[in-house]
Protein backbone atom coordinates (compact mmCIF):
# COMPACT_ATOMS: atom_id res chain seq x y z
CA MET A 1 31.53 -39.62 124.88
CA ASN A 2 33.37 -39.75 121.54
CA ASP A 3 35.15 -42.95 122.67
CA TYR A 4 31.74 -44.49 123.38
CA LEU A 5 30.48 -43.75 119.87
CA ALA A 6 33.66 -45.00 118.27
CA ALA A 7 33.50 -48.28 120.20
CA SER A 8 29.78 -48.91 119.67
CA ASN A 9 27.89 -50.05 116.63
CA ALA A 10 27.23 -46.43 115.72
CA THR A 11 25.92 -45.91 112.26
CA SER A 12 24.48 -42.91 110.43
CA LEU A 13 21.65 -40.76 111.70
CA LEU A 14 20.00 -41.55 108.37
CA ASP A 15 19.67 -45.19 109.50
CA MET A 16 17.75 -44.27 112.65
CA ALA A 17 13.96 -44.64 113.05
CA ASN A 18 14.15 -48.08 111.42
CA GLY A 19 15.31 -46.51 108.16
CA ALA A 20 12.33 -44.15 107.92
CA ILE A 21 14.60 -41.14 107.36
CA LYS A 22 16.17 -42.83 104.32
CA GLU A 23 12.70 -43.79 103.12
CA ARG A 24 11.64 -40.12 103.19
CA ILE A 25 14.70 -39.11 101.16
CA ASP A 26 14.07 -41.92 98.67
CA TYR A 27 10.41 -40.91 98.38
CA GLU A 28 11.35 -37.32 97.52
CA MET A 29 14.00 -38.58 95.11
CA GLY A 30 11.30 -40.57 93.34
CA ARG A 31 9.15 -37.43 93.00
CA VAL A 32 12.12 -35.53 91.58
CA MET A 33 12.89 -38.29 89.08
CA GLN A 34 9.27 -38.38 87.92
CA ASN A 35 9.34 -34.59 87.51
CA ILE A 36 12.56 -34.78 85.49
CA GLY A 37 10.97 -37.39 83.22
CA ASP A 38 7.78 -35.35 82.73
CA PRO A 39 7.81 -33.82 79.22
CA ASN A 40 5.54 -31.04 80.52
CA THR A 41 8.42 -29.56 82.56
CA LYS A 42 11.57 -27.77 81.49
CA ALA A 43 14.26 -30.45 81.18
CA SER A 44 17.14 -28.26 82.40
CA ALA A 45 15.29 -26.79 85.41
CA LYS A 46 17.02 -27.49 88.71
CA ARG A 47 15.21 -29.60 91.28
CA GLU A 48 16.00 -29.70 95.01
CA ILE A 49 15.58 -32.10 97.90
CA THR A 50 15.65 -30.51 101.34
CA LEU A 51 16.16 -32.57 104.48
CA LYS A 52 15.36 -30.82 107.76
CA ILE A 53 16.50 -32.51 110.96
CA THR A 54 15.40 -30.99 114.25
CA LEU A 55 16.95 -32.09 117.54
CA ALA A 56 15.09 -31.16 120.74
CA PRO A 57 16.95 -32.15 123.94
CA ASP A 58 15.15 -32.37 127.26
CA GLU A 59 16.15 -30.22 130.27
CA ASP A 60 18.58 -32.84 131.55
CA ARG A 61 20.18 -33.23 128.13
CA LYS A 62 19.76 -36.98 128.45
CA HIS A 63 17.10 -37.52 125.79
CA ILE A 64 16.84 -35.92 122.39
CA GLU A 65 13.74 -36.00 120.27
CA VAL A 66 14.76 -36.12 116.62
CA SER A 67 12.36 -35.05 113.91
CA CYS A 68 13.08 -35.27 110.21
CA THR A 69 11.15 -33.91 107.25
CA ALA A 70 12.08 -34.24 103.61
CA SER A 71 10.66 -32.05 100.89
CA SER A 72 11.37 -31.38 97.27
CA LYS A 73 11.18 -28.40 94.98
CA LEU A 74 10.11 -29.55 91.54
CA ALA A 75 10.17 -27.83 88.17
CA ALA A 76 6.95 -26.04 87.32
CA MET A 77 4.77 -27.32 84.52
CA ASN A 78 5.40 -25.68 81.16
CA PRO A 79 2.75 -23.10 80.28
CA VAL A 80 -0.01 -24.07 77.89
CA LYS A 81 -0.44 -21.45 75.18
CA THR A 82 -3.18 -20.58 72.74
CA SER A 83 -4.16 -17.51 70.74
CA LEU A 84 -7.44 -15.63 70.72
CA ALA A 85 -8.95 -13.24 68.21
CA THR A 86 -11.34 -10.67 69.66
CA GLY A 87 -14.21 -8.66 68.28
CA ARG A 88 -17.86 -7.87 68.74
CA GLU A 89 -20.87 -9.98 67.84
CA ASN A 90 -24.48 -8.85 68.35
CA GLY A 91 -23.27 -6.05 70.65
CA GLN A 92 -21.21 -8.42 72.83
CA THR A 93 -17.46 -8.69 73.14
CA VAL A 94 -16.33 -12.11 71.95
CA ALA A 95 -13.07 -14.01 71.67
CA VAL A 96 -12.47 -17.04 69.50
CA GLU A 97 -9.59 -19.47 69.80
CA LEU A 98 -7.40 -19.45 66.71
CA THR A 99 -6.63 -22.83 65.20
CA PRO A 100 -4.13 -23.69 62.46
CA GLN A 101 -6.87 -25.20 60.27
CA ILE A 102 -10.29 -23.91 59.29
CA PRO A 103 -12.99 -25.76 61.26
CA GLY A 104 -14.45 -28.65 59.30
CA GLN A 105 -11.35 -29.18 57.16
CA LEU A 106 -9.19 -32.27 57.38
CA ASP A 107 -5.90 -31.77 59.16
CA THR A 108 -2.63 -33.47 58.15
CA THR A 109 -3.53 -36.63 60.07
CA GLY A 110 -6.95 -36.97 58.45
CA ASN A 111 -8.97 -35.71 61.41
CA VAL A 112 -11.65 -33.07 61.02
CA THR A 113 -10.66 -29.77 62.64
CA PRO A 114 -13.17 -29.07 65.44
CA VAL A 115 -15.33 -25.97 65.72
CA ARG A 116 -13.44 -23.10 67.34
CA LYS A 117 -14.19 -22.28 70.97
CA LEU A 118 -16.10 -19.01 71.32
CA LEU A 119 -16.12 -16.99 74.51
CA LYS A 120 -18.79 -14.33 75.10
CA PHE A 121 -18.37 -11.54 77.61
CA GLY A 122 -20.95 -9.26 79.16
CA GLU A 123 -20.27 -5.55 79.11
CA ALA A 124 -18.18 -4.29 82.00
CA ALA A 125 -19.74 -1.69 84.24
CA VAL A 126 -17.90 1.59 83.90
């Protein structure tokens, strides 16, 4: 059997299925490259591409069904952070988002600082 493969036009398993296996790897590589270029992810986080090839021979061992899946593990998005100040207003618990500028003032780029977001919470049942 080895002599047969050596004498034939044998190529790589990756070239089988009309190149679809390579296409799957290239697709996942594209996703990884986009993730690496995304400024919302940690630059130094490791990314992975996993290629799973399953070979299922029939009972006579004459035919083998080959299945290939490619997947990638990307870096998670960086967390978005904000700060809240809490207190009570008219008997309700409230939280307001803290901003670096007082609402209504001009910021360093000449834009008016928007009104702070206010969250109101009902009283929790005890």
